[in-house]
Amino acid sequence: MKRVKVVVVGAGVIGFSTAVCIAESLSLCAVTLVADQFSPDTTSDGAAGIMFVSKYPDIDLERQRRWFKDSFDHLLAIAQSDQAPEAGVMLSSGCQIFREVPAETVPFWADLVHGFRFLTESELKRFPEHCFGQAFTTIKCECSAYLPWLEKRFRRAGGKVQQSHVNHLQELAGTYDLIVNCSGLGARSLVGDQQVHPVRGQVLKVQAPWINHFIRDGDGLTYFYPGVHSLTVGGTRQEGDRRLEADPADSEDILRRCCLLEPSLAKGKVLGEWVGLRPGRRNPRVEREVLGTQGSARRVHVVHNYGHGGGGVTLAWGTALDALGLVKQIVNETGPPQARL
């Protein structure tokens, strides 16, 4: 039987997760991943990679829970295996603190992480400007290790990788039977999605091995997460800002804010700075579409999986499984591709 030629566009954590799911699950598909940038030059590479996320406003909550659970279960299995060091996946404990009690004191993912509880009054005394907190154990996934690990897994499943720039999805229609769009911020130009916009994030890598637990301010701007080799210290969330160079004023402000939460950070050694543009969108787009091709009656099926904002690592495997389900639907509906004359 002729194999279905599938192309996945994008080499970040969404793209490689989706490509692995398809390549491992659908033997009748020949999967190629195409991108112009690969690790260590993707936005995912600099992500803090800690697993928890805010609600998206227009997506069914049960679907969001499934995305989170599927991703958590996937990464937990890696964290508890001998693959953990190579994949850069580890359990991480800490707390999230708030200056005002949030409207929802128990987030939708509370029962999916480990040991979720409220901070005691005694614990909160450490943070005099905050009145409420949550403690839990979650997972940290360091994409600088995880992406190469996923790429190896993809290649073992028979996947092929190609480095090239794609201007429009339609240009792939002549070569592939089905397109999976995991282009992140690139979707703004690739498919004309004006909802997608850059959200600039700047973080520092700091050597402070005595800090073993994460702390995150509930506003999402001030945080530090211990990793395998260093602490990720942040951050910024600058809507519409496309600057990719590190801003010294931002770095100074990040350190000042984080030292208020953890004074010993002042003794840490700054190893480097990193800036990335998150693919901001009101909601992730995980759905199917049919695109026409210019000058041809041929139409090509597309599965979209992009626009996760700061929740890419947290939801990558869950949305990849949803995208896989959509690919299965299309293959079942259309049958094997016809030989082109």
C-alpha atoms as a PDB file:
ATOM      1  CA  MET A   1       0.000   0.000   0.000  1.00  0.00           C
ATOM      2  CA  LYS A   2       1.254   3.483  -0.858  1.00  0.00           C
ATOM      3  CA  ARG A   3       2.197   5.367   2.314  1.00  0.00           C
ATOM      4  CA  VAL A   4       0.606   8.671   3.285  1.00  0.00           C
ATOM      5  CA  LYS A   5       3.224  11.407   3.078  1.00  0.00           C
ATOM      6  CA  VAL A   6       2.882  13.655   6.125  1.00  0.00           C
ATOM      7  CA  VAL A   7       4.901  16.798   6.784  1.00  0.00           C
ATOM      8  CA  VAL A   8       5.142  18.455  10.201  1.00  0.00           C
ATOM      9  CA  VAL A   9       6.178  22.111  10.091  1.00  0.00           C
ATOM     10  CA  GLY A  10       8.083  23.309  13.165  1.00  0.00           C
ATOM     11  CA  ALA A  11      10.897  21.890  15.299  1.00  0.00           C
ATOM     12  CA  GLY A  12       9.946  23.214  18.724  1.00  0.00           C
ATOM     13  CA  VAL A  13       8.476  21.100  21.488  1.00  0.00           C
ATOM     14  CA  ILE A  14       5.031  21.104  19.813  1.00  0.00           C
ATOM     15  CA  GLY A  15       6.390  20.091  16.420  1.00  0.00           C
ATOM     16  CA  PHE A  16       8.640  17.268  17.599  1.00  0.00           C
ATOM     17  CA  SER A  17       6.049  15.933  20.062  1.00  0.00           C
ATOM     18  CA  THR A  18       3.461  15.799  17.284  1.00  0.00           C
ATOM     19  CA  ALA A  19       5.886  14.260  14.798  1.00  0.00           C
ATOM     20  CA  VAL A  20       6.864  11.525  17.279  1.00  0.00           C
ATOM     21  CA  CYS A  21       3.221  10.701  18.045  1.00  0.00           C
ATOM     22  CA  ILE A  22       2.374  10.310  14.341  1.00  0.00           C
ATOM     23  CA  ALA A  23       5.530   8.403  13.393  1.00  0.00           C
ATOM     24  CA  GLU A  24       5.200   5.943  16.281  1.00  0.00           C
ATOM     25  CA  SER A  25       1.442   5.395  15.963  1.00  0.00           C
ATOM     26  CA  LEU A  26       0.751   5.362  12.211  1.00  0.00           C
ATOM     27  CA  SER A  27       3.033   2.995  10.324  1.00  0.00           C
ATOM     28  CA  LEU A  28       1.205   3.792   7.081  1.00  0.00           C
ATOM     29  CA  CYS A  29       2.446   7.392   7.308  1.00  0.00           C
ATOM     30  CA  ALA A  30       5.870   8.512   6.118  1.00  0.00           C
ATOM     31  CA  VAL A  31       6.583  11.531   8.319  1.00  0.00           C
ATOM     32  CA  THR A  32       9.003  14.370   7.540  1.00  0.00           C
ATOM     33  CA  LEU A  33       9.618  17.281   9.900  1.00  0.00           C
ATOM     34  CA  VAL A  34      10.554  20.555   8.192  1.00  0.00           C
ATOM     35  CA  ALA A  35      11.820  23.703   9.936  1.00  0.00           C
ATOM     36  CA  ASP A  36      14.302  26.477   9.404  1.00  0.00           C
ATOM     37  CA  GLN A  37      15.528  26.412  13.007  1.00  0.00           C
ATOM     38  CA  PHE A  38      16.312  23.467  15.256  1.00  0.00           C
ATOM     39  CA  SER A  39      17.589  23.066  18.802  1.00  0.00           C
ATOM     40  CA  PRO A  40      19.380  24.942  20.333  1.00  0.00           C
ATOM     41  CA  ASP A  41      17.883  27.831  18.325  1.00  0.00           C
ATOM     42  CA  THR A  42      14.146  27.352  18.956  1.00  0.00           C
ATOM     43  CA  THR A  43      11.944  29.288  21.370  1.00  0.00           C
ATOM     44  CA  SER A  44      11.360  26.040  23.271  1.00  0.00           C
ATOM     45  CA  ASP A  45      15.076  25.774  24.097  1.00  0.00           C
ATOM     46  CA  GLY A  46      14.933  28.700  26.494  1.00  0.00           C
ATOM     47  CA  ALA A  47      11.619  27.821  28.112  1.00  0.00           C
ATOM     48  CA  ALA A  48      11.638  27.254  31.854  1.00  0.00           C
ATOM     49  CA  GLY A  49       9.716  24.071  31.078  1.00  0.00           C
ATOM     50  CA  ILE A  50       7.842  23.827  34.369  1.00  0.00           C
ATOM     51  CA  MET A  51       4.498  22.040  34.231  1.00  0.00           C
ATOM     52  CA  PHE A  52       1.527  24.169  35.213  1.00  0.00           C
ATOM     53  CA  VAL A  53      -0.587  26.512  33.155  1.00  0.00           C
ATOM     54  CA  SER A  54      -3.359  29.098  33.271  1.00  0.00           C
ATOM     55  CA  LYS A  55      -6.796  28.440  31.782  1.00  0.00           C
ATOM     56  CA  TYR A  56      -7.455  29.253  28.145  1.00  0.00           C
ATOM     57  CA  PRO A  57     -10.774  31.121  28.001  1.00  0.00           C
ATOM     58  CA  ASP A  58     -12.587  29.441  25.094  1.00  0.00           C
ATOM     59  CA  ILE A  59     -11.539  25.790  25.302  1.00  0.00           C
ATOM     60  CA  ASP A  60     -13.581  23.178  27.129  1.00  0.00           C
ATOM     61  CA  LEU A  61     -12.033  22.657  30.550  1.00  0.00           C
ATOM     62  CA  GLU A  62     -12.146  18.869  30.265  1.00  0.00           C
ATOM     63  CA  ARG A  63     -10.122  19.116  27.069  1.00  0.00           C
ATOM     64  CA  GLN A  64      -7.541  21.289  28.850  1.00  0.00           C
ATOM     65  CA  ARG A  65      -7.399  18.776  31.713  1.00  0.00           C
ATOM     66  CA  ARG A  66      -6.832  15.970  29.237  1.00  0.00           C
ATOM     67  CA  TRP A  67      -4.020  17.917  27.550  1.00  0.00           C
ATOM     68  CA  PHE A  68      -2.387  18.497  30.938  1.00  0.00           C
ATOM     69  CA  LYS A  69      -2.856  14.925  32.197  1.00  0.00           C
ATOM     70  CA  ASP A  70      -1.577  13.329  28.995  1.00  0.00           C
ATOM     71  CA  SER A  71       1.490  15.567  29.057  1.00  0.00           C
ATOM     72  CA  PHE A  72       2.113  15.038  32.767  1.00  0.00           C
ATOM     73  CA  ASP A  73       1.800  11.253  32.509  1.00  0.00           C
ATOM     74  CA  HIS A  74       4.128  11.190  29.507  1.00  0.00           C
ATOM     75  CA  LEU A  75       6.835  13.275  31.193  1.00  0.00           C
ATOM     76  CA  LEU A  76       6.422  11.527  34.558  1.00  0.00           C
ATOM     77  CA  ALA A  77       7.151   8.181  32.902  1.00  0.00           C
ATOM     78  CA  ILE A  78      10.356   9.661  31.482  1.00  0.00           C
ATOM     79  CA  ALA A  79      11.321  11.284  34.816  1.00  0.00           C
ATOM     80  CA  GLN A  80      11.007   7.890  36.522  1.00  0.00           C
ATOM     81  CA  SER A  81      13.015   6.022  33.877  1.00  0.00           C
ATOM     82  CA  ASP A  82      16.696   5.658  33.015  1.00  0.00           C
ATOM     83  CA  GLN A  83      16.066   8.125  30.159  1.00  0.00           C
ATOM     84  CA  ALA A  84      15.562  11.050  32.556  1.00  0.00           C
ATOM     85  CA  PRO A  85      19.141  12.453  32.471  1.00  0.00           C
ATOM     86  CA  GLU A  86      19.403  12.371  28.682  1.00  0.00           C
ATOM     87  CA  ALA A  87      15.892  13.742  28.176  1.00  0.00           C
ATOM     88  CA  GLY A  88      16.330  16.519  30.764  1.00  0.00           C
ATOM     89  CA  VAL A  89      13.130  15.643  32.634  1.00  0.00           C
ATOM     90  CA  MET A  90      12.920  15.800  36.425  1.00  0.00           C
ATOM     91  CA  LEU A  91      10.437  16.143  39.287  1.00  0.00           C
ATOM     92  CA  SER A  92      10.414  19.622  40.807  1.00  0.00           C
ATOM     93  CA  SER A  93       8.848  20.832  44.069  1.00  0.00           C
ATOM     94  CA  GLY A  94       8.070  24.357  45.156  1.00  0.00           C
ATOM     95  CA  CYS A  95       5.351  26.935  45.610  1.00  0.00           C
ATOM     96  CA  GLN A  96       3.285  29.582  43.867  1.00  0.00           C
ATOM     97  CA  ILE A  97       2.468  32.658  45.947  1.00  0.00           C
ATOM     98  CA  PHE A  98      -0.098  35.438  45.544  1.00  0.00           C
ATOM     99  CA  ARG A  99      -0.426  39.031  46.737  1.00  0.00           C
ATOM    100  CA  GLU A 100      -4.219  38.606  46.718  1.00  0.00           C
ATOM    101  CA  VAL A 101      -6.214  35.420  47.107  1.00  0.00           C
ATOM    102  CA  PRO A 102      -6.981  34.254  43.533  1.00  0.00           C
ATOM    103  CA  ALA A 103     -10.552  33.769  42.347  1.00  0.00           C
ATOM    104  CA  GLU A 104      -9.805  30.051  41.965  1.00  0.00           C
ATOM    105  CA  THR A 105      -7.668  28.868  44.860  1.00  0.00           C
ATOM    106  CA  VAL A 106      -7.608  25.326  43.456  1.00  0.00           C
ATOM    107  CA  PRO A 107      -6.521  25.349  39.777  1.00  0.00           C
ATOM    108  CA  PHE A 108      -7.942  22.826  37.327  1.00  0.00           C
ATOM    109  CA  TRP A 109      -4.694  20.825  37.341  1.00  0.00           C
ATOM    110  CA  ALA A 110      -4.359  20.606  41.151  1.00  0.00           C
ATOM    111  CA  ASP A 111      -5.294  16.925  41.363  1.00  0.00           C
ATOM    112  CA  LEU A 112      -3.004  16.033  38.449  1.00  0.00           C
ATOM    113  CA  VAL A 113       0.268  17.214  40.023  1.00  0.00           C
ATOM    114  CA  HIS A 114       1.608  15.599  43.212  1.00  0.00           C
ATOM    115  CA  GLY A 115       0.898  16.712  46.773  1.00  0.00           C
ATOM    116  CA  PHE A 116      -1.038  19.917  46.051  1.00  0.00           C
ATOM    117  CA  ARG A 117      -1.840  21.866  49.218  1.00  0.00           C
ATOM    118  CA  PHE A 118      -2.120  25.441  50.502  1.00  0.00           C
ATOM    119  CA  LEU A 119       0.805  27.064  52.265  1.00  0.00           C
ATOM    120  CA  THR A 120       0.445  27.421  56.028  1.00  0.00           C
ATOM    121  CA  GLU A 121       0.502  30.775  57.824  1.00  0.00           C
ATOM    122  CA  SER A 122       3.946  29.891  59.111  1.00  0.00           C
ATOM    123  CA  GLU A 123       5.248  29.245  55.586  1.00  0.00           C
ATOM    124  CA  LEU A 124       3.730  32.486  54.280  1.00  0.00           C
ATOM    125  CA  LYS A 125       5.640  34.560  56.863  1.00  0.00           C
ATOM    126  CA  ARG A 126       8.629  34.172  54.557  1.00  0.00           C
ATOM    127  CA  PHE A 127       6.748  36.283  51.967  1.00  0.00           C
ATOM    128  CA  PRO A 128       5.316  39.287  53.835  1.00  0.00           C
ATOM    129  CA  GLU A 129       3.851  40.887  50.683  1.00  0.00           C
ATOM    130  CA  HIS A 130       1.898  37.738  49.819  1.00  0.00           C
ATOM    131  CA  CYS A 131      -1.197  36.388  51.551  1.00  0.00           C
ATOM    132  CA  PHE A 132      -1.838  33.063  49.844  1.00  0.00           C
ATOM    133  CA  GLY A 133       0.188  30.217  48.383  1.00  0.00           C
ATOM    134  CA  GLN A 134       0.092  26.734  46.899  1.00  0.00           C
ATOM    135  CA  ALA A 135       2.740  24.047  47.270  1.00  0.00           C
ATOM    136  CA  PHE A 136       3.069  21.032  44.965  1.00  0.00           C
ATOM    137  CA  THR A 137       5.442  18.785  43.061  1.00  0.00           C
ATOM    138  CA  THR A 138       5.357  18.973  39.290  1.00  0.00           C
ATOM    139  CA  ILE A 139       7.750  18.250  36.422  1.00  0.00           C
ATOM    140  CA  LYS A 140      10.484  20.334  34.822  1.00  0.00           C
ATOM    141  CA  CYS A 141      11.428  19.569  31.233  1.00  0.00           C
ATOM    142  CA  GLU A 142      14.619  21.160  29.900  1.00  0.00           C
ATOM    143  CA  CYS A 143      14.113  21.447  26.172  1.00  0.00           C
ATOM    144  CA  SER A 144      17.804  21.928  25.391  1.00  0.00           C
ATOM    145  CA  ALA A 145      18.083  18.211  26.249  1.00  0.00           C
ATOM    146  CA  TYR A 146      14.506  17.110  25.552  1.00  0.00           C
ATOM    147  CA  LEU A 147      14.351  18.310  21.929  1.00  0.00           C
ATOM    148  CA  PRO A 148      17.466  16.369  20.801  1.00  0.00           C
ATOM    149  CA  TRP A 149      16.099  13.351  22.699  1.00  0.00           C
ATOM    150  CA  LEU A 150      12.761  13.669  20.889  1.00  0.00           C
ATOM    151  CA  GLU A 151      14.541  14.027  17.551  1.00  0.00           C
ATOM    152  CA  LYS A 152      16.429  10.764  18.150  1.00  0.00           C
ATOM    153  CA  ARG A 153      13.152   9.070  19.071  1.00  0.00           C
ATOM    154  CA  PHE A 154      11.520  10.459  15.910  1.00  0.00           C
ATOM    155  CA  ARG A 155      14.331   9.201  13.686  1.00  0.00           C
ATOM    156  CA  ARG A 156      14.174   5.756  15.324  1.00  0.00           C
ATOM    157  CA  ALA A 157      10.491   5.643  14.359  1.00  0.00           C
ATOM    158  CA  GLY A 158      11.465   6.232  10.720  1.00  0.00           C
ATOM    159  CA  GLY A 159      10.934   9.985  10.659  1.00  0.00           C
ATOM    160  CA  LYS A 160      12.997  12.242   8.416  1.00  0.00           C
ATOM    161  CA  VAL A 161      14.200  15.751   9.233  1.00  0.00           C
ATOM    162  CA  GLN A 162      14.711  18.538   6.713  1.00  0.00           C
ATOM    163  CA  GLN A 163      16.022  22.044   7.362  1.00  0.00           C
ATOM    164  CA  SER A 164      14.410  24.556   5.034  1.00  0.00           C
ATOM    165  CA  HIS A 165      12.282  27.682   5.165  1.00  0.00           C
ATOM    166  CA  VAL A 166       8.577  27.419   4.365  1.00  0.00           C
ATOM    167  CA  ASN A 167       6.898  30.623   3.137  1.00  0.00           C
ATOM    168  CA  HIS A 168       3.365  29.271   2.729  1.00  0.00           C
ATOM    169  CA  LEU A 169       1.813  25.935   3.611  1.00  0.00           C
ATOM    170  CA  GLN A 170       0.463  25.654   0.059  1.00  0.00           C
ATOM    171  CA  GLU A 171       3.986  25.181  -1.296  1.00  0.00           C
ATOM    172  CA  LEU A 172       4.130  21.818   0.502  1.00  0.00           C
ATOM    173  CA  ALA A 173       0.916  20.534  -1.095  1.00  0.00           C
ATOM    174  CA  GLY A 174       2.590  19.221  -4.219  1.00  0.00           C
ATOM    175  CA  THR A 175       4.915  16.973  -2.216  1.00  0.00           C
ATOM    176  CA  TYR A 176       2.861  15.854   0.780  1.00  0.00           C
ATOM    177  CA  ASP A 177      -0.596  14.375   1.260  1.00  0.00           C
ATOM    178  CA  LEU A 178      -1.198  15.934   4.676  1.00  0.00           C
ATOM    179  CA  ILE A 179       0.326  18.950   6.444  1.00  0.00           C
ATOM    180  CA  VAL A 180       0.611  19.341  10.229  1.00  0.00           C
ATOM    181  CA  ASN A 181       1.193  22.969  11.148  1.00  0.00           C
ATOM    182  CA  CYS A 182       3.187  23.370  14.383  1.00  0.00           C
ATOM    183  CA  SER A 183       4.824  26.631  13.347  1.00  0.00           C
ATOM    184  CA  GLY A 184       4.160  28.620  16.524  1.00  0.00           C
ATOM    185  CA  LEU A 185       4.651  32.316  15.933  1.00  0.00           C
ATOM    186  CA  GLY A 186       5.304  31.545  12.261  1.00  0.00           C
ATOM    187  CA  ALA A 187       1.610  30.763  11.790  1.00  0.00           C
ATOM    188  CA  ARG A 188       0.982  34.494  11.581  1.00  0.00           C
ATOM    189  CA  SER A 189       2.625  34.574   8.158  1.00  0.00           C
ATOM    190  CA  LEU A 190       2.247  30.915   7.124  1.00  0.00           C
ATOM    191  CA  VAL A 191      -1.547  30.830   7.415  1.00  0.00           C
ATOM    192  CA  GLY A 192      -2.333  34.514   7.994  1.00  0.00           C
ATOM    193  CA  ASP A 193      -3.501  34.021  11.586  1.00  0.00           C
ATOM    194  CA  GLN A 194      -3.525  37.550  12.955  1.00  0.00           C
ATOM    195  CA  GLN A 195      -4.451  36.268  16.420  1.00  0.00           C
ATOM    196  CA  VAL A 196      -0.889  34.995  16.839  1.00  0.00           C
ATOM    197  CA  HIS A 197       1.449  37.608  18.267  1.00  0.00           C
ATOM    198  CA  PRO A 198       4.904  37.700  19.880  1.00  0.00           C
ATOM    199  CA  VAL A 199       5.202  37.762  23.658  1.00  0.00           C
ATOM    200  CA  ARG A 200       8.807  38.550  24.541  1.00  0.00           C
ATOM    201  CA  GLY A 201      10.292  36.565  27.393  1.00  0.00           C
ATOM    202  CA  GLN A 202      13.705  37.221  28.935  1.00  0.00           C
ATOM    203  CA  VAL A 203      15.295  34.936  31.526  1.00  0.00           C
ATOM    204  CA  LEU A 204      18.657  34.474  33.199  1.00  0.00           C
ATOM    205  CA  LYS A 205      20.582  31.293  33.849  1.00  0.00           C
ATOM    206  CA  VAL A 206      22.069  31.494  37.343  1.00  0.00           C
ATOM    207  CA  GLN A 207      24.385  29.164  39.234  1.00  0.00           C
ATOM    208  CA  ALA A 208      22.932  28.804  42.734  1.00  0.00           C
ATOM    209  CA  PRO A 209      23.114  25.101  43.658  1.00  0.00           C
ATOM    210  CA  TRP A 210      21.854  25.667  47.217  1.00  0.00           C
ATOM    211  CA  ILE A 211      18.382  26.549  45.868  1.00  0.00           C
ATOM    212  CA  ASN A 212      16.447  23.309  45.386  1.00  0.00           C
ATOM    213  CA  HIS A 213      12.809  24.442  45.240  1.00  0.00           C
ATOM    214  CA  PHE A 214      11.030  26.716  42.791  1.00  0.00           C
ATOM    215  CA  ILE A 215       9.113  29.847  43.711  1.00  0.00           C
ATOM    216  CA  ARG A 216       6.700  31.564  41.329  1.00  0.00           C
ATOM    217  CA  ASP A 217       4.774  34.762  41.947  1.00  0.00           C
ATOM    218  CA  GLY A 218       1.154  34.279  40.947  1.00  0.00           C
ATOM    219  CA  ASP A 219       1.386  37.102  38.414  1.00  0.00           C
ATOM    220  CA  GLY A 220       3.654  34.859  36.338  1.00  0.00           C
ATOM    221  CA  LEU A 221       6.354  37.491  35.950  1.00  0.00           C
ATOM    222  CA  THR A 222       8.690  36.646  38.817  1.00  0.00           C
ATOM    223  CA  TYR A 223       9.989  33.098  39.258  1.00  0.00           C
ATOM    224  CA  PHE A 224      12.980  30.822  39.545  1.00  0.00           C
ATOM    225  CA  TYR A 225      13.110  27.135  38.727  1.00  0.00           C
ATOM    226  CA  PRO A 226      16.045  24.876  39.649  1.00  0.00           C
ATOM    227  CA  GLY A 227      17.233  22.720  36.773  1.00  0.00           C
ATOM    228  CA  VAL A 228      19.841  20.063  36.159  1.00  0.00           C
ATOM    229  CA  HIS A 229      22.741  22.480  35.706  1.00  0.00           C
ATOM    230  CA  SER A 230      21.437  25.931  36.671  1.00  0.00           C
ATOM    231  CA  LEU A 231      18.517  28.029  37.856  1.00  0.00           C
ATOM    232  CA  THR A 232      16.138  29.598  35.309  1.00  0.00           C
ATOM    233  CA  VAL A 233      15.336  33.058  36.688  1.00  0.00           C
ATOM    234  CA  GLY A 234      12.677  35.285  35.137  1.00  0.00           C
ATOM    235  CA  GLY A 235      11.074  36.990  33.669  1.00  0.00           C
ATOM    236  CA  THR A 236       9.216  39.261  31.275  1.00  0.00           C
ATOM    237  CA  ARG A 237       5.956  39.014  29.346  1.00  0.00           C
ATOM    238  CA  GLN A 238       6.084  41.845  26.815  1.00  0.00           C
ATOM    239  CA  GLU A 239       3.201  41.675  24.348  1.00  0.00           C
ATOM    240  CA  GLY A 240       4.021  42.578  20.743  1.00  0.00           C
ATOM    241  CA  ASP A 241       7.731  43.097  21.496  1.00  0.00           C
ATOM    242  CA  ARG A 242       9.967  41.440  18.887  1.00  0.00           C
ATOM    243  CA  ARG A 243      13.370  42.351  20.360  1.00  0.00           C
ATOM    244  CA  LEU A 244      15.623  39.302  20.502  1.00  0.00           C
ATOM    245  CA  GLU A 245      18.586  40.946  22.204  1.00  0.00           C
ATOM    246  CA  ALA A 246      18.877  40.812  25.987  1.00  0.00           C
ATOM    247  CA  ASP A 247      17.949  44.059  27.742  1.00  0.00           C
ATOM    248  CA  PRO A 248      20.282  44.881  30.672  1.00  0.00           C
ATOM    249  CA  ALA A 249      17.490  46.833  32.393  1.00  0.00           C
ATOM    250  CA  ASP A 250      15.225  43.783  32.204  1.00  0.00           C
ATOM    251  CA  SER A 251      17.945  41.572  33.668  1.00  0.00           C
ATOM    252  CA  GLU A 252      18.498  43.973  36.548  1.00  0.00           C
ATOM    253  CA  ASP A 253      14.772  44.152  37.270  1.00  0.00           C
ATOM    254  CA  ILE A 254      14.382  40.357  37.116  1.00  0.00           C
ATOM    255  CA  LEU A 255      17.162  39.836  39.646  1.00  0.00           C
ATOM    256  CA  ARG A 256      15.795  42.558  41.924  1.00  0.00           C
ATOM    257  CA  ARG A 257      12.314  41.006  41.992  1.00  0.00           C
ATOM    258  CA  CYS A 258      13.584  37.463  42.497  1.00  0.00           C
ATOM    259  CA  CYS A 259      15.949  38.481  45.291  1.00  0.00           C
ATOM    260  CA  LEU A 260      12.952  39.862  47.197  1.00  0.00           C
ATOM    261  CA  LEU A 261      11.597  36.298  47.238  1.00  0.00           C
ATOM    262  CA  GLU A 262      14.936  34.576  47.766  1.00  0.00           C
ATOM    263  CA  PRO A 263      17.657  36.929  49.115  1.00  0.00           C
ATOM    264  CA  SER A 264      20.405  34.319  48.674  1.00  0.00           C
ATOM    265  CA  LEU A 265      20.001  34.655  44.897  1.00  0.00           C
ATOM    266  CA  ALA A 266      22.145  37.768  45.193  1.00  0.00           C
ATOM    267  CA  LYS A 267      25.087  35.421  45.779  1.00  0.00           C
ATOM    268  CA  GLY A 268      24.379  33.432  42.610  1.00  0.00           C
ATOM    269  CA  LYS A 269      26.560  33.640  39.522  1.00  0.00           C
ATOM    270  CA  VAL A 270      24.812  34.780  36.335  1.00  0.00           C
ATOM    271  CA  LEU A 271      25.825  32.357  33.591  1.00  0.00           C
ATOM    272  CA  GLY A 272      23.920  33.930  30.744  1.00  0.00           C
ATOM    273  CA  GLU A 273      20.794  35.621  29.420  1.00  0.00           C
ATOM    274  CA  TRP A 274      18.217  34.331  26.961  1.00  0.00           C
ATOM    275  CA  VAL A 275      15.386  35.957  25.015  1.00  0.00           C
ATOM    276  CA  GLY A 276      12.593  34.216  23.126  1.00  0.00           C
ATOM    277  CA  LEU A 277       9.279  35.130  21.529  1.00  0.00           C
ATOM    278  CA  ARG A 278       6.397  33.014  22.774  1.00  0.00           C
ATOM    279  CA  PRO A 279       3.567  32.380  20.278  1.00  0.00           C
ATOM    280  CA  GLY A 280       0.836  34.304  22.060  1.00  0.00           C
ATOM    281  CA  ARG A 281      -2.784  33.547  21.169  1.00  0.00           C
ATOM    282  CA  ARG A 282      -6.071  33.734  23.079  1.00  0.00           C
ATOM    283  CA  ASN A 283      -6.363  29.945  22.744  1.00  0.00           C
ATOM    284  CA  PRO A 284      -4.170  27.276  21.140  1.00  0.00           C
ATOM    285  CA  ARG A 285      -5.418  26.220  17.728  1.00  0.00           C
ATOM    286  CA  VAL A 286      -5.768  22.436  17.520  1.00  0.00           C
ATOM    287  CA  GLU A 287      -8.105  21.679  14.627  1.00  0.00           C
ATOM    288  CA  ARG A 288      -8.260  20.483  11.016  1.00  0.00           C
ATOM    289  CA  GLU A 289      -8.786  22.447   7.821  1.00  0.00           C
ATOM    290  CA  VAL A 290      -8.722  21.955   4.046  1.00  0.00           C
ATOM    291  CA  LEU A 291      -6.560  24.326   2.018  1.00  0.00           C
ATOM    292  CA  GLY A 292      -6.848  24.998  -1.692  1.00  0.00           C
ATOM    293  CA  THR A 293      -3.708  25.346  -3.799  1.00  0.00           C
ATOM    294  CA  GLN A 294      -3.170  28.170  -6.258  1.00  0.00           C
ATOM    295  CA  GLY A 295      -3.576  27.210  -9.897  1.00  0.00           C
ATOM    296  CA  SER A 296      -4.789  23.704  -9.021  1.00  0.00           C
ATOM    297  CA  ALA A 297      -8.035  22.000  -8.190  1.00  0.00           C
ATOM    298  CA  ARG A 298      -6.191  19.875  -5.648  1.00  0.00           C
ATOM    299  CA  ARG A 299      -6.952  20.501  -1.999  1.00  0.00           C
ATOM    300  CA  VAL A 300      -4.746  19.442   0.902  1.00  0.00           C
ATOM    301  CA  HIS A 301      -5.744  18.554   4.443  1.00  0.00           C
ATOM    302  CA  VAL A 302      -4.055  20.473   7.269  1.00  0.00           C
ATOM    303  CA  VAL A 303      -3.979  19.798  11.003  1.00  0.00           C
ATOM    304  CA  HIS A 304      -3.081  22.856  13.079  1.00  0.00           C
ATOM    305  CA  ASN A 305      -1.378  22.648  16.474  1.00  0.00           C
ATOM    306  CA  TYR A 306       0.038  26.017  17.518  1.00  0.00           C
ATOM    307  CA  GLY A 307      -0.500  29.121  19.654  1.00  0.00           C
ATOM    308  CA  HIS A 308       0.204  27.702  23.127  1.00  0.00           C
ATOM    309  CA  GLY A 309       1.806  30.889  24.462  1.00  0.00           C
ATOM    310  CA  GLY A 310       3.743  30.053  27.628  1.00  0.00           C
ATOM    311  CA  GLY A 311       2.074  26.636  27.934  1.00  0.00           C
ATOM    312  CA  GLY A 312       3.948  24.824  25.178  1.00  0.00           C
ATOM    313  CA  VAL A 313       5.999  22.404  27.251  1.00  0.00           C
ATOM    314  CA  THR A 314       3.129  21.860  29.682  1.00  0.00           C
ATOM    315  CA  LEU A 315       0.614  20.843  27.015  1.00  0.00           C
ATOM    316  CA  ALA A 316       2.830  19.598  24.172  1.00  0.00           C
ATOM    317  CA  TRP A 317       2.177  15.867  24.460  1.00  0.00           C
ATOM    318  CA  GLY A 318      -1.533  16.300  25.149  1.00  0.00           C
ATOM    319  CA  THR A 319      -2.147  18.516  22.121  1.00  0.00           C
ATOM    320  CA  ALA A 320       0.115  16.250  20.042  1.00  0.00           C
ATOM    321  CA  LEU A 321      -2.189  13.334  20.851  1.00  0.00           C
ATOM    322  CA  ASP A 322      -5.185  15.468  19.822  1.00  0.00           C
ATOM    323  CA  ALA A 323      -3.416  16.330  16.561  1.00  0.00           C
ATOM    324  CA  LEU A 324      -2.663  12.632  16.049  1.00  0.00           C
ATOM    325  CA  GLY A 325      -6.373  11.889  16.429  1.00  0.00           C
ATOM    326  CA  LEU A 326      -7.178  14.444  13.725  1.00  0.00           C
ATOM    327  CA  VAL A 327      -4.552  12.937  11.403  1.00  0.00           C
ATOM    328  CA  LYS A 328      -6.125   9.492  11.950  1.00  0.00           C
ATOM    329  CA  GLN A 329      -9.553  10.924  11.068  1.00  0.00           C
ATOM    330  CA  ILE A 330      -8.275  12.366   7.811  1.00  0.00           C
ATOM    331  CA  VAL A 331      -6.403   9.209   6.804  1.00  0.00           C
ATOM    332  CA  ASN A 332      -9.478   7.068   7.550  1.00  0.00           C
ATOM    333  CA  GLU A 333     -11.735   9.384   5.563  1.00  0.00           C
ATOM    334  CA  THR A 334      -9.512   9.847   2.525  1.00  0.00           C
ATOM    335  CA  GLY A 335      -7.935   6.404   2.311  1.00  0.00           C
ATOM    336  CA  PRO A 336      -4.489   5.715   0.806  1.00  0.00           C
ATOM    337  CA  PRO A 337      -3.169   8.370  -1.575  1.00  0.00           C
ATOM    338  CA  GLN A 338      -3.589   7.832  -5.295  1.00  0.00           C
ATOM    339  CA  ALA A 339      -0.517   7.647  -7.462  1.00  0.00           C
ATOM    340  CA  ARG A 340       0.014  10.984  -9.167  1.00  0.00           C
ATOM    341  CA  LEU A 341       0.104  10.935 -12.965  1.00  0.00           C
END
